[in-house]
Amino acid sequence: MQQDVHIDGFIFPAPQPSYGAQSYKRNLCWIPWNSVISPKRVGEENASGIPCLWFPAPKAATVILFFHANAEDLGMSFAVLRHIRDQFKVNVLAVEYPGYGLLHHMEPSEDAVYEVALTAFRFLVDEIGVRYSQIILFGRSLGSGPAVFLAAQYPVGGLILVSAFSSIKAAVQSIVGRVVAWTFAERFPNGRLLLKSGSS
């Protein structure tokens, strides 16, 4: 258990929150927790929803669902998200992780990241009416984990990965060697999940 804490600290080096509840008033929104996906989150104190940044593009049907890197939060991604919207004329939705930004009080973990990713994805599909084919998943660094996780399950319109890794264990091995990597439990097995993905 103690080892898992140390490993999570390595995987999720969350910075001090770079934004607050009153920041980015035109873009900051909350997606409610899904009682099916996250039954324990519903009604949790200070966890009324998942903070997101929403950048709408007039007349665009495509939505890029963006997952940020492990050493940044939504506020630090703001300029990149706005640039993606302006450059490609698509809607952009970015999701915050537990342990980061306005969710800094929650424990980060692989399961928690998957949880918010799936909740945001299902919200787009079930509540907004976005079709699978209209969603492009975009993952940067750690964000490649939730992006690949969703792409392996749903026939999305596309998958974009930047600074991705095949797995946390493989990434650690490439930096510090096989002996140290052996002590790491497998997390975010992107390589294996990509074999199940139909995205290109």
Protein backbone atom coordinates (compact mmCIF):
# COMPACT_ATOMS: atom_id res chain seq x y z
CA MET A 1 0.00 0.00 0.00
CA GLN A 2 2.79 2.42 0.94
CA GLN A 3 4.56 1.58 -2.32
CA ASP A 4 1.39 2.41 -4.26
CA VAL A 5 1.31 5.83 -2.59
CA HIS A 6 4.88 6.53 -3.70
CA ILE A 7 4.16 5.34 -7.23
CA ASP A 8 1.03 7.48 -7.46
CA GLY A 9 3.08 10.46 -6.30
CA PHE A 10 5.46 9.78 -9.18
CA ILE A 11 2.68 9.38 -11.75
CA PHE A 12 0.54 12.29 -10.55
CA PRO A 13 2.88 15.20 -9.64
CA ALA A 14 -0.02 17.65 -9.52
CA PRO A 15 1.00 21.33 -9.45
CA GLN A 16 -0.60 23.89 -7.17
CA PRO A 17 -4.00 24.77 -8.67
CA SER A 18 -3.54 27.44 -11.35
CA TYR A 19 -7.19 28.47 -11.42
CA GLY A 20 -10.19 28.86 -9.13
CA ALA A 21 -13.95 28.57 -9.27
CA GLN A 22 -14.21 32.16 -10.53
CA SER A 23 -11.62 31.73 -13.29
CA TYR A 24 -12.50 31.47 -16.98
CA LYS A 25 -16.18 32.27 -16.41
CA ARG A 26 -17.00 31.90 -20.10
CA ASN A 27 -15.41 28.46 -20.34
CA LEU A 28 -15.43 26.79 -16.93
CA CYS A 29 -18.29 24.37 -16.39
CA TRP A 30 -19.09 21.29 -14.33
CA ILE A 31 -20.27 17.88 -15.49
CA PRO A 32 -22.28 16.07 -12.80
CA TRP A 33 -21.01 12.78 -11.43
CA ASN A 34 -22.73 9.79 -12.99
CA SER A 35 -24.44 7.62 -10.38
CA VAL A 36 -23.78 4.48 -12.44
CA ILE A 37 -20.10 5.17 -13.15
CA SER A 38 -19.25 6.80 -9.82
CA PRO A 39 -21.88 5.86 -7.20
CA LYS A 40 -19.58 6.82 -4.32
CA ARG A 41 -18.90 10.29 -5.76
CA VAL A 42 -22.53 11.39 -5.89
CA GLY A 43 -23.28 13.62 -2.91
CA GLU A 44 -19.65 13.70 -1.81
CA GLU A 45 -18.73 16.90 0.00
CA ASN A 46 -16.94 19.36 -2.31
CA ALA A 47 -17.42 17.01 -5.25
CA SER A 48 -20.61 18.29 -6.86
CA GLY A 49 -19.21 17.81 -10.33
CA ILE A 50 -16.19 17.49 -12.59
CA PRO A 51 -14.58 20.81 -13.60
CA CYS A 52 -14.19 21.17 -17.35
CA LEU A 53 -13.20 23.82 -19.85
CA TRP A 54 -15.57 24.15 -22.79
CA PHE A 55 -14.60 25.96 -25.98
CA PRO A 56 -17.56 26.02 -28.38
CA ALA A 57 -17.06 26.49 -32.12
CA PRO A 58 -20.02 27.95 -34.05
CA LYS A 59 -21.74 25.42 -36.32
CA ALA A 60 -19.18 22.70 -35.54
CA ALA A 61 -20.42 19.16 -34.86
CA THR A 62 -17.06 17.63 -33.93
CA VAL A 63 -15.98 17.63 -30.29
CA ILE A 64 -12.38 17.10 -29.21
CA LEU A 65 -12.37 15.54 -25.74
CA PHE A 66 -9.01 16.60 -24.32
CA PHE A 67 -7.03 15.00 -21.48
CA HIS A 68 -4.08 16.99 -20.14
CA ALA A 69 -0.61 15.88 -19.02
CA ASN A 70 0.33 14.84 -15.49
CA ALA A 71 2.24 17.98 -14.44
CA GLU A 72 -0.45 20.48 -15.45
CA ASP A 73 -4.08 21.25 -14.70
CA LEU A 74 -6.88 22.76 -16.77
CA GLY A 75 -5.74 26.32 -16.17
CA MET A 76 -2.28 25.57 -17.54
CA SER A 77 -3.89 24.01 -20.62
CA PHE A 78 -6.19 26.96 -21.36
CA ALA A 79 -4.15 28.58 -24.14
CA VAL A 80 -3.57 25.26 -25.93
CA LEU A 81 -7.26 24.39 -25.78
CA ARG A 82 -8.30 27.75 -27.17
CA HIS A 83 -5.73 27.42 -29.96
CA ILE A 84 -7.05 23.97 -30.92
CA ARG A 85 -10.59 25.37 -31.14
CA ASP A 86 -9.53 28.41 -33.17
CA GLN A 87 -7.15 26.54 -35.48
CA PHE A 88 -9.35 23.55 -36.31
CA LYS A 89 -12.83 25.08 -35.85
CA VAL A 90 -14.03 22.30 -33.56
CA ASN A 91 -15.63 22.22 -30.13
CA VAL A 92 -13.19 21.36 -27.35
CA LEU A 93 -14.01 19.89 -23.94
CA ALA A 94 -11.19 19.35 -21.44
CA VAL A 95 -11.66 17.40 -18.22
CA GLU A 96 -9.95 17.82 -14.85
CA TYR A 97 -8.52 14.87 -12.90
CA PRO A 98 -9.00 14.07 -9.20
CA GLY A 99 -6.00 15.50 -7.37
CA TYR A 100 -5.69 18.43 -9.80
CA GLY A 101 -7.07 21.97 -10.01
CA LEU A 102 -10.49 22.31 -8.38
CA LEU A 103 -10.39 18.59 -7.52
CA HIS A 104 -7.09 18.93 -5.63
CA HIS A 105 -8.76 17.61 -2.45
CA MET A 106 -9.48 14.23 -4.07
CA GLU A 107 -7.06 11.32 -4.35
CA PRO A 108 -5.58 10.78 -7.83
CA SER A 109 -5.39 7.26 -9.23
CA GLU A 110 -5.63 5.39 -12.50
CA ASP A 111 -9.21 4.38 -11.74
CA ALA A 112 -10.17 7.95 -10.81
CA VAL A 113 -8.80 9.28 -14.11
CA TYR A 114 -10.72 6.63 -16.05
CA GLU A 115 -13.80 7.52 -14.02
CA VAL A 116 -13.85 11.21 -14.96
CA ALA A 117 -12.98 10.39 -18.57
CA LEU A 118 -15.88 7.97 -18.92
CA THR A 119 -18.27 10.33 -17.12
CA ALA A 120 -17.43 13.20 -19.48
CA PHE A 121 -17.67 10.94 -22.52
CA ARG A 122 -21.06 9.53 -21.52
CA PHE A 123 -22.31 13.04 -20.76
CA LEU A 124 -21.47 14.16 -24.30
CA VAL A 125 -23.22 11.13 -25.78
CA ASP A 126 -26.17 10.62 -23.43
CA GLU A 127 -27.01 14.17 -22.36
CA ILE A 128 -25.81 16.37 -25.24
CA GLY A 129 -26.51 13.91 -28.04
CA VAL A 130 -23.07 13.88 -29.62
CA ARG A 131 -22.51 10.78 -31.77
CA TYR A 132 -19.49 8.55 -31.20
CA SER A 133 -18.22 9.39 -34.68
CA GLN A 134 -18.25 13.10 -33.82
CA ILE A 135 -15.89 12.69 -30.86
CA ILE A 136 -12.12 12.87 -31.28
CA LEU A 137 -10.12 11.84 -28.23
CA PHE A 138 -6.95 13.85 -27.59
CA GLY A 139 -4.48 12.73 -24.93
CA ARG A 140 -1.20 14.36 -23.99
CA SER A 141 1.33 12.43 -21.88
CA LEU A 142 -0.69 11.04 -18.95
CA GLY A 143 -3.79 12.03 -20.90
CA SER A 144 -3.01 9.32 -23.42
CA GLY A 145 -4.18 6.85 -20.76
CA PRO A 146 -7.84 7.92 -20.55
CA ALA A 147 -7.93 8.67 -24.29
CA VAL A 148 -6.80 5.14 -25.19
CA PHE A 149 -9.07 3.66 -22.50
CA LEU A 150 -12.12 5.21 -24.20
CA ALA A 151 -10.94 4.50 -27.74
CA ALA A 152 -10.65 0.81 -26.87
CA GLN A 153 -14.33 0.72 -25.92
CA TYR A 154 -16.12 3.02 -28.35
CA PRO A 155 -16.09 3.61 -32.15
CA VAL A 156 -14.99 7.24 -31.87
CA GLY A 157 -14.17 9.52 -34.78
CA GLY A 158 -10.45 9.65 -34.03
CA LEU A 159 -7.64 9.37 -31.52
CA ILE A 160 -4.77 11.88 -31.18
CA LEU A 161 -1.86 11.08 -28.87
CA VAL A 162 0.98 13.46 -28.00
CA SER A 163 4.01 12.33 -25.95
CA ALA A 164 2.23 9.05 -25.27
CA PHE A 165 3.62 5.90 -23.65
CA SER A 166 2.85 2.20 -24.05
CA SER A 167 2.50 1.78 -20.28
CA ILE A 168 3.73 3.40 -17.07
CA LYS A 169 5.99 0.41 -16.40
CA ALA A 170 7.57 0.72 -19.85
CA ALA A 171 8.01 4.47 -19.40
CA VAL A 172 9.74 3.98 -16.05
CA GLN A 173 11.96 1.25 -17.50
CA SER A 174 13.12 3.57 -20.28
CA ILE A 175 14.16 6.18 -17.70
CA VAL A 176 15.58 4.25 -14.74
CA GLY A 177 15.97 0.68 -15.95
CA ARG A 178 14.29 -2.70 -15.65
CA VAL A 179 15.10 -3.38 -11.99
CA VAL A 180 13.30 -0.29 -10.67
CA ALA A 181 10.47 -0.69 -13.19
CA TRP A 182 9.88 -4.21 -11.87
CA THR A 183 8.65 -2.68 -8.57
CA PHE A 184 5.95 -0.69 -10.38
CA ALA A 185 2.49 -2.18 -10.77
CA GLU A 186 1.20 -1.86 -14.32
CA ARG A 187 -0.86 1.26 -14.92
CA PHE A 188 -2.33 2.79 -18.07
CA PRO A 189 -1.52 -0.17 -20.38
CA ASN A 190 -1.97 1.88 -23.55
CA GLY A 191 -0.14 -0.53 -25.83
CA ARG A 192 -2.41 -3.43 -24.95
CA LEU A 193 -5.56 -1.32 -25.12
CA LEU A 194 -4.61 0.13 -28.50
CA LEU A 195 -4.79 -3.36 -29.96
CA LYS A 196 -8.50 -3.27 -29.12
CA SER A 197 -9.03 0.21 -30.57
CA GLY A 198 -10.49 0.74 -34.01
CA SER A 199 -9.37 4.40 -34.13
CA SER A 200 -6.70 5.68 -36.44
